[in-house]
Amino acid sequence: MSGNTSLYALVGGETGLRNLVETFYDVIEFEPEGTDLKMLHLRGMGVAHSRIEQFAFLSDFLGGPKLYAEKHGHTNVREMHVHIEIDRKAHDDWLNCMSIAIDRVGLDKDVGKKLMTHFRAVAAGLQNRP
C-alpha cells in the first residue's frame, strides 16, 4: 500500500466504494446487528437516502471525488448528525456493521484496518449521548 495512494483508490474507486456502502446498508437493513441502526434511519430520511448520502460522503472522506461537498457545501459530520441521538450502542453498532461489510467485500486486511481507524475516530466524535 503506497503512502500516497488514497483510501478511495484502495477500496476500488467508485465501484469498490459503492459495493462497500451497499453491503454496509444491507447489514443494517436485513441483519440483527443492524436492527437498532435501521430504526434510527427510519426516524430520519430512511435507509435508501442514507445509502446515497453515505456513498457521496465517503467518496470525499476517502480521497475520491468531492460528491458530498459539491451537493451540500460541507463535509462536517457533526452537522450532518446533529439531529440524531448517538449513544455508545449506536456508535458500537455502526462500527460493527461497517467491520462486517469490510470483511464481506473482501478488502485487503491492511486497507480494512486503516478504514476502521478512520471510522473509529469519526464515530468517537459523533457520540452525543452517554
Protein backbone atom coordinates (compact mmCIF):
# COMPACT_ATOMS: atom_id res chain seq x y z
CA MET A 1 0.00 0.00 0.00
CA SER A 2 1.64 3.19 -1.18
CA GLY A 3 1.72 6.06 1.32
CA ASN A 4 0.21 8.49 -1.19
CA THR A 5 -2.50 6.21 -2.57
CA SER A 6 -5.94 7.37 -1.42
CA LEU A 7 -8.19 5.08 0.54
CA TYR A 8 -10.75 5.71 -2.20
CA ALA A 9 -8.39 4.05 -4.69
CA LEU A 10 -7.52 1.27 -2.23
CA VAL A 11 -11.18 0.31 -1.74
CA GLY A 12 -11.58 0.06 -5.51
CA GLY A 13 -12.69 3.53 -6.52
CA GLU A 14 -16.33 4.18 -7.30
CA THR A 15 -17.23 0.51 -7.83
CA GLY A 16 -15.48 -0.71 -4.69
CA LEU A 17 -16.89 2.08 -2.54
CA ARG A 18 -20.42 1.54 -3.85
CA ASN A 19 -20.08 -2.17 -3.06
CA LEU A 20 -18.90 -1.37 0.48
CA VAL A 21 -21.74 1.09 1.14
CA GLU A 22 -24.39 -1.24 -0.30
CA THR A 23 -23.05 -4.16 1.76
CA PHE A 24 -22.98 -1.99 4.89
CA TYR A 25 -26.60 -0.92 4.44
CA ASP A 26 -27.66 -4.48 3.61
CA VAL A 27 -26.30 -5.46 7.04
CA ILE A 28 -28.25 -2.59 8.61
CA GLU A 29 -31.48 -3.40 6.79
CA PHE A 30 -31.52 -7.17 6.89
CA GLU A 31 -29.39 -8.48 9.75
CA PRO A 32 -29.78 -8.44 13.54
CA GLU A 33 -26.56 -6.46 14.03
CA GLY A 34 -28.17 -3.53 12.23
CA THR A 35 -31.65 -3.55 13.76
CA ASP A 36 -31.21 -0.52 16.04
CA LEU A 37 -29.40 1.47 13.34
CA LYS A 38 -32.20 0.68 10.90
CA MET A 39 -34.70 2.13 13.38
CA LEU A 40 -32.59 5.31 13.69
CA HIS A 41 -32.57 5.67 9.90
CA LEU A 42 -36.31 5.11 9.66
CA ARG A 43 -36.88 8.04 12.06
CA GLY A 44 -34.94 10.20 9.61
CA MET A 45 -34.94 10.15 5.83
CA GLY A 46 -34.67 6.38 5.56
CA VAL A 47 -32.07 3.85 4.56
CA ALA A 48 -32.33 4.45 0.79
CA HIS A 49 -31.46 8.12 1.31
CA SER A 50 -28.57 7.18 3.60
CA ARG A 51 -27.12 4.78 1.02
CA ILE A 52 -26.84 7.68 -1.45
CA GLU A 53 -25.54 10.24 1.05
CA GLN A 54 -23.02 7.91 2.66
CA PHE A 55 -21.58 6.96 -0.72
CA ALA A 56 -21.17 10.66 -1.55
CA PHE A 57 -19.67 11.48 1.85
CA LEU A 58 -17.25 8.55 1.85
CA SER A 59 -16.12 9.45 -1.65
CA ASP A 60 -14.99 12.83 -0.25
CA PHE A 61 -13.71 11.39 3.03
CA LEU A 62 -11.58 8.70 1.42
CA GLY A 63 -9.95 10.98 -1.15
CA GLY A 64 -12.19 10.48 -4.17
CA PRO A 65 -14.49 12.90 -5.98
CA LYS A 66 -15.97 15.57 -3.70
CA LEU A 67 -19.57 14.47 -4.27
CA TYR A 68 -20.95 15.38 -0.86
CA ALA A 69 -19.26 18.78 -0.63
CA GLU A 70 -20.42 19.69 -4.14
CA LYS A 71 -24.01 18.91 -3.20
CA HIS A 72 -24.12 20.21 0.39
CA GLY A 73 -21.25 22.70 0.57
CA HIS A 74 -19.55 21.00 3.52
CA THR A 75 -18.44 17.64 4.91
CA ASN A 76 -18.99 18.36 8.61
CA VAL A 77 -20.14 15.03 10.04
CA ARG A 78 -21.20 16.56 13.35
CA GLU A 79 -23.51 18.94 11.48
CA MET A 80 -24.88 16.06 9.41
CA HIS A 81 -25.80 14.11 12.54
CA VAL A 82 -26.84 16.89 14.94
CA HIS A 83 -30.50 15.77 14.79
CA ILE A 84 -29.66 12.16 15.76
CA GLU A 85 -29.12 10.87 19.28
CA ILE A 86 -25.94 8.80 19.05
CA ASP A 87 -25.19 6.84 22.20
CA ARG A 88 -22.42 4.32 22.82
CA LYS A 89 -24.56 1.46 21.50
CA ALA A 90 -25.26 3.26 18.20
CA HIS A 91 -21.55 4.09 17.96
CA ASP A 92 -20.57 0.46 18.54
CA ASP A 93 -23.31 -0.90 16.24
CA TRP A 94 -22.20 1.36 13.37
CA LEU A 95 -18.58 0.28 13.70
CA ASN A 96 -19.58 -3.38 13.96
CA CYS A 97 -21.79 -3.21 10.84
CA MET A 98 -19.01 -1.47 8.91
CA SER A 99 -16.48 -4.06 10.06
CA ILE A 100 -18.81 -6.82 8.83
CA ALA A 101 -19.20 -5.03 5.48
CA ILE A 102 -15.43 -4.58 5.09
CA ASP A 103 -14.93 -8.30 5.71
CA ARG A 104 -17.72 -9.29 3.30
CA VAL A 105 -16.44 -7.24 0.38
CA GLY A 106 -13.03 -8.84 0.82
CA LEU A 107 -10.89 -5.75 1.24
CA ASP A 108 -7.21 -6.23 1.93
CA LYS A 109 -6.70 -6.57 5.71
CA ASP A 110 -4.38 -3.55 5.86
CA VAL A 111 -6.89 -1.43 3.97
CA GLY A 112 -9.68 -2.61 6.27
CA LYS A 113 -7.64 -1.74 9.36
CA LYS A 114 -6.84 1.72 8.00
CA LEU A 115 -10.52 2.34 7.19
CA MET A 116 -11.61 1.24 10.64
CA THR A 117 -9.02 3.50 12.28
CA HIS A 118 -10.53 6.48 10.44
CA PHE A 119 -14.10 5.36 11.13
CA ARG A 120 -13.42 4.85 14.85
CA ALA A 121 -12.02 8.38 15.13
CA VAL A 122 -15.05 9.91 13.41
CA ALA A 123 -17.52 7.77 15.36
CA ALA A 124 -15.96 8.82 18.66
CA GLY A 125 -16.57 12.45 17.76
CA LEU A 126 -20.20 11.81 16.83
CA GLN A 127 -21.34 10.20 20.06
CA ASN A 128 -23.53 12.83 21.70
CA ARG A 129 -25.30 10.79 24.38
CA PRO A 130 -23.86 8.61 27.17
